[in-house]
């Protein structure tokens, strides 16, 4: 199943677990310690302190492309991007 359901697709939208898994996979690819680093990041309460600003911007671009949503400048805020859980909730709100 594709996580980014194009218009007219009959696939159901992704659930929170699928969104979180996609974000963790992205972070594992960018973290200097790979999957181990991404696993540690999964439990942090402030991603902004754990990853550099370029990776954070790349994460926003990934989220937009992967889930076919737009992250407006006002949305790029800690309450939406501070944890993997917060990002997943943001994506699901945008897609609903």
N, C-alpha and C. Protein backbone atom coordinates (compact mmCIF):
# COMPACT_ATOMS: atom_id res chain seq x y z
N UNK A 1 0.84 -1.19 0.00
CA UNK A 1 0.00 0.00 0.00
C UNK A 1 0.88 1.24 0.00
N UNK A 2 0.55 2.18 -0.81
CA UNK A 2 1.28 3.44 -0.88
C UNK A 2 0.80 4.36 0.23
N UNK A 3 1.74 5.00 0.93
CA UNK A 3 1.36 5.92 2.00
C UNK A 3 0.82 7.22 1.47
N UNK A 4 1.23 7.61 0.28
CA UNK A 4 0.72 8.86 -0.27
C UNK A 4 -0.34 8.52 -1.31
N UNK A 5 -1.56 8.50 -0.89
CA UNK A 5 -2.66 8.12 -1.76
C UNK A 5 -3.03 9.26 -2.68
N UNK A 6 -2.81 9.09 -3.98
CA UNK A 6 -3.17 10.15 -4.91
C UNK A 6 -4.68 10.30 -5.01
N UNK A 7 -5.15 11.46 -5.46
CA UNK A 7 -6.58 11.64 -5.62
C UNK A 7 -7.14 10.54 -6.51
N UNK A 8 -8.29 10.02 -6.11
CA UNK A 8 -8.93 8.98 -6.89
C UNK A 8 -8.45 7.58 -6.51
N UNK A 9 -7.50 7.48 -5.60
CA UNK A 9 -6.99 6.18 -5.18
C UNK A 9 -8.02 5.51 -4.29
N UNK A 10 -8.10 4.19 -4.39
CA UNK A 10 -9.04 3.45 -3.55
C UNK A 10 -8.39 2.97 -2.27
N UNK A 11 -7.07 3.17 -2.13
CA UNK A 11 -6.39 2.78 -0.90
C UNK A 11 -6.86 3.63 0.25
N UNK A 12 -7.01 3.03 1.44
CA UNK A 12 -7.37 3.84 2.60
C UNK A 12 -6.20 4.74 2.99
N UNK A 13 -6.46 5.85 3.66
CA UNK A 13 -5.37 6.73 4.08
C UNK A 13 -4.50 6.01 5.11
N UNK A 14 -3.25 6.45 5.26
CA UNK A 14 -2.37 5.78 6.22
C UNK A 14 -2.87 5.98 7.65
N UNK A 15 -2.54 5.02 8.50
CA UNK A 15 -2.86 5.20 9.92
C UNK A 15 -1.63 5.78 10.62
N UNK A 16 -1.80 6.11 11.88
CA UNK A 16 -0.74 6.78 12.64
C UNK A 16 0.53 5.93 12.68
N UNK A 17 0.38 4.64 12.86
CA UNK A 17 1.53 3.74 12.93
C UNK A 17 2.33 3.76 11.62
N UNK A 18 1.64 3.78 10.50
CA UNK A 18 2.32 3.82 9.19
C UNK A 18 3.05 5.14 8.99
N UNK A 19 2.44 6.24 9.42
CA UNK A 19 3.09 7.54 9.29
C UNK A 19 4.34 7.58 10.16
N UNK A 20 4.22 7.11 11.40
CA UNK A 20 5.37 7.10 12.30
C UNK A 20 6.50 6.23 11.73
N UNK A 21 6.16 5.08 11.16
CA UNK A 21 7.18 4.20 10.58
C UNK A 21 7.90 4.87 9.42
N UNK A 22 7.17 5.59 8.59
CA UNK A 22 7.79 6.30 7.46
C UNK A 22 8.74 7.39 7.95
N UNK A 23 8.34 8.10 8.99
CA UNK A 23 9.18 9.17 9.54
C UNK A 23 10.44 8.58 10.18
N UNK A 24 10.28 7.48 10.92
CA UNK A 24 11.45 6.82 11.52
C UNK A 24 12.41 6.33 10.44
N UNK A 25 11.87 5.81 9.37
CA UNK A 25 12.70 5.33 8.26
C UNK A 25 13.48 6.50 7.64
N UNK A 26 12.81 7.62 7.44
CA UNK A 26 13.48 8.81 6.92
C UNK A 26 14.61 9.22 7.86
N UNK A 27 14.33 9.30 9.15
CA UNK A 27 15.33 9.74 10.11
C UNK A 27 16.51 8.77 10.19
N UNK A 28 16.24 7.47 10.03
CA UNK A 28 17.33 6.49 10.05
C UNK A 28 18.28 6.72 8.89
N UNK A 29 17.74 7.12 7.75
CA UNK A 29 18.58 7.38 6.57
C UNK A 29 19.44 8.63 6.76
N UNK A 30 19.00 9.56 7.57
CA UNK A 30 19.72 10.82 7.75
C UNK A 30 20.53 10.89 9.04
N UNK A 31 20.26 10.01 9.99
CA UNK A 31 20.96 10.07 11.27
C UNK A 31 22.34 9.45 11.14
N UNK A 32 23.32 10.06 11.76
CA UNK A 32 24.70 9.58 11.64
C UNK A 32 24.87 8.18 12.22
N UNK A 33 23.98 7.76 13.12
CA UNK A 33 24.05 6.41 13.69
C UNK A 33 22.99 5.48 13.09
N UNK A 34 22.41 5.87 11.98
CA UNK A 34 21.45 5.03 11.27
C UNK A 34 20.23 4.67 12.09
N UNK A 35 19.81 3.42 11.99
CA UNK A 35 18.59 2.97 12.66
C UNK A 35 18.70 3.10 14.18
N UNK A 36 19.90 2.85 14.74
CA UNK A 36 20.06 3.00 16.19
C UNK A 36 19.82 4.45 16.62
N UNK A 37 20.33 5.37 15.83
CA UNK A 37 20.10 6.79 16.14
C UNK A 37 18.65 7.17 15.99
N UNK A 38 18.00 6.64 14.96
CA UNK A 38 16.58 6.93 14.75
C UNK A 38 15.74 6.33 15.87
N UNK A 39 16.12 5.17 16.37
CA UNK A 39 15.39 4.55 17.48
C UNK A 39 15.48 5.43 18.73
N UNK A 40 16.66 6.01 18.95
CA UNK A 40 16.82 6.91 20.10
C UNK A 40 15.99 8.17 19.91
N UNK A 41 15.96 8.70 18.69
CA UNK A 41 15.19 9.90 18.39
C UNK A 41 13.70 9.66 18.59
N UNK A 42 13.26 8.43 18.36
CA UNK A 42 11.82 8.11 18.48
C UNK A 42 11.28 8.46 19.86
N UNK A 43 12.13 8.43 20.87
CA UNK A 43 11.64 8.69 22.23
C UNK A 43 11.92 10.10 22.73
N UNK A 44 12.61 10.93 21.96
CA UNK A 44 12.93 12.27 22.43
C UNK A 44 11.69 13.17 22.37
N UNK A 45 11.72 14.18 23.20
CA UNK A 45 10.60 15.10 23.28
C UNK A 45 10.81 16.37 22.47
N UNK A 46 11.99 16.52 21.85
CA UNK A 46 12.23 17.71 21.05
C UNK A 46 13.22 17.39 19.93
N UNK A 47 12.68 17.01 18.78
CA UNK A 47 13.53 16.71 17.63
C UNK A 47 14.42 17.89 17.25
N UNK A 48 13.94 19.10 17.51
CA UNK A 48 14.67 20.31 17.13
C UNK A 48 16.05 20.37 17.80
N UNK A 49 16.19 19.66 18.93
CA UNK A 49 17.48 19.64 19.63
C UNK A 49 18.35 18.46 19.20
N UNK A 50 17.77 17.50 18.50
CA UNK A 50 18.47 16.27 18.14
C UNK A 50 18.96 16.22 16.70
N UNK A 51 18.29 16.92 15.79
CA UNK A 51 18.71 16.89 14.39
C UNK A 51 19.01 18.32 13.95
N UNK A 52 19.87 18.43 12.95
CA UNK A 52 20.25 19.78 12.52
C UNK A 52 19.13 20.41 11.68
N UNK A 53 19.25 21.69 11.48
CA UNK A 53 18.19 22.44 10.80
C UNK A 53 17.98 22.01 9.36
N UNK A 54 19.05 21.62 8.67
CA UNK A 54 18.91 21.16 7.30
C UNK A 54 18.10 19.86 7.24
N UNK A 55 18.41 18.94 8.14
CA UNK A 55 17.66 17.68 8.20
C UNK A 55 16.20 17.94 8.55
N UNK A 56 15.95 18.89 9.41
CA UNK A 56 14.58 19.24 9.77
C UNK A 56 13.82 19.77 8.55
N UNK A 57 14.46 20.60 7.77
CA UNK A 57 13.82 21.10 6.54
C UNK A 57 13.62 19.97 5.52
N UNK A 58 14.59 19.07 5.43
CA UNK A 58 14.44 17.93 4.53
C UNK A 58 13.31 17.02 4.99
N UNK A 59 13.13 16.91 6.31
CA UNK A 59 12.02 16.14 6.87
C UNK A 59 10.68 16.75 6.46
N UNK A 60 10.59 18.07 6.52
CA UNK A 60 9.35 18.75 6.11
C UNK A 60 9.07 18.48 4.64
N UNK A 61 10.09 18.59 3.79
CA UNK A 61 9.91 18.32 2.36
C UNK A 61 9.49 16.87 2.13
N UNK A 62 10.09 15.95 2.87
CA UNK A 62 9.73 14.53 2.77
C UNK A 62 8.27 14.31 3.15
N UNK A 63 7.86 14.90 4.27
CA UNK A 63 6.48 14.75 4.73
C UNK A 63 5.51 15.28 3.68
N UNK A 64 5.83 16.44 3.11
CA UNK A 64 4.96 17.01 2.07
C UNK A 64 4.83 16.07 0.88
N UNK A 65 5.96 15.55 0.41
CA UNK A 65 5.95 14.69 -0.77
C UNK A 65 5.32 13.34 -0.46
N UNK A 66 5.71 12.73 0.63
CA UNK A 66 5.28 11.37 0.97
C UNK A 66 3.78 11.28 1.22
N UNK A 67 3.25 12.30 1.90
CA UNK A 67 1.85 12.23 2.31
C UNK A 67 0.95 13.19 1.54
N UNK A 68 1.49 13.80 0.49
CA UNK A 68 0.72 14.69 -0.39
C UNK A 68 0.00 15.78 0.41
N UNK A 69 0.75 16.45 1.27
CA UNK A 69 0.21 17.57 2.04
C UNK A 69 1.10 18.78 1.84
N UNK A 70 0.62 19.93 2.26
CA UNK A 70 1.41 21.15 2.24
C UNK A 70 1.65 21.59 3.67
N UNK A 71 2.90 21.86 3.99
CA UNK A 71 3.26 22.41 5.29
C UNK A 71 3.46 23.90 5.09
N UNK A 72 2.50 24.67 5.58
CA UNK A 72 2.61 26.12 5.47
C UNK A 72 3.64 26.63 6.48
N UNK A 73 4.20 27.81 6.23
CA UNK A 73 5.18 28.34 7.19
C UNK A 73 4.65 28.37 8.63
N UNK A 74 3.39 28.70 8.80
CA UNK A 74 2.82 28.75 10.15
C UNK A 74 2.73 27.37 10.79
N UNK A 75 2.68 26.32 9.95
CA UNK A 75 2.61 24.94 10.46
C UNK A 75 3.96 24.43 10.92
N UNK A 76 5.03 25.03 10.41
CA UNK A 76 6.37 24.59 10.75
C UNK A 76 6.72 25.15 12.13
N UNK A 77 6.18 24.48 13.13
CA UNK A 77 6.31 24.94 14.51
C UNK A 77 6.54 23.74 15.42
N UNK A 78 7.13 23.96 16.59
CA UNK A 78 7.41 22.84 17.49
C UNK A 78 6.20 21.97 17.82
N UNK A 79 5.03 22.55 17.94
CA UNK A 79 3.88 21.73 18.29
C UNK A 79 3.55 20.70 17.21
N UNK A 80 3.98 20.93 15.98
CA UNK A 80 3.73 20.00 14.88
C UNK A 80 4.94 19.14 14.52
N UNK A 81 6.14 19.58 14.89
CA UNK A 81 7.36 18.88 14.45
C UNK A 81 8.34 18.61 15.59
N UNK A 82 7.89 18.58 16.83
CA UNK A 82 8.82 18.35 17.94
C UNK A 82 9.09 16.87 18.22
N UNK A 83 8.14 16.01 17.88
CA UNK A 83 8.30 14.57 18.10
C UNK A 83 7.74 13.82 16.89
N UNK A 84 8.09 12.55 16.80
CA UNK A 84 7.53 11.73 15.73
C UNK A 84 6.02 11.64 15.89
N UNK A 85 5.56 11.51 17.12
CA UNK A 85 4.12 11.47 17.39
C UNK A 85 3.43 12.75 16.92
N UNK A 86 4.02 13.90 17.21
CA UNK A 86 3.43 15.18 16.80
C UNK A 86 3.37 15.30 15.28
N UNK A 87 4.41 14.84 14.60
CA UNK A 87 4.42 14.89 13.13
C UNK A 87 3.33 13.99 12.58
N UNK A 88 3.21 12.79 13.13
CA UNK A 88 2.18 11.86 12.65
C UNK A 88 0.78 12.45 12.86
N UNK A 89 0.54 13.02 14.02
CA UNK A 89 -0.77 13.64 14.27
C UNK A 89 -1.02 14.80 13.31
N UNK A 90 0.00 15.60 13.02
CA UNK A 90 -0.13 16.70 12.07
C UNK A 90 -0.49 16.17 10.69
N UNK A 91 0.23 15.15 10.24
CA UNK A 91 -0.04 14.57 8.91
C UNK A 91 -1.47 14.06 8.84
N UNK A 92 -1.91 13.34 9.84
CA UNK A 92 -3.27 12.80 9.81
C UNK A 92 -4.32 13.90 9.84
N UNK A 93 -4.07 14.97 10.58
CA UNK A 93 -5.01 16.12 10.57
C UNK A 93 -5.07 16.74 9.18
N UNK A 94 -3.91 16.90 8.54
CA UNK A 94 -3.85 17.49 7.21
C UNK A 94 -4.56 16.65 6.17
N UNK A 95 -4.46 15.36 6.33
CA UNK A 95 -5.04 14.45 5.34
C UNK A 95 -6.52 14.20 5.55
N UNK A 96 -7.06 14.62 6.70
CA UNK A 96 -8.48 14.37 6.95
C UNK A 96 -9.37 15.44 6.35
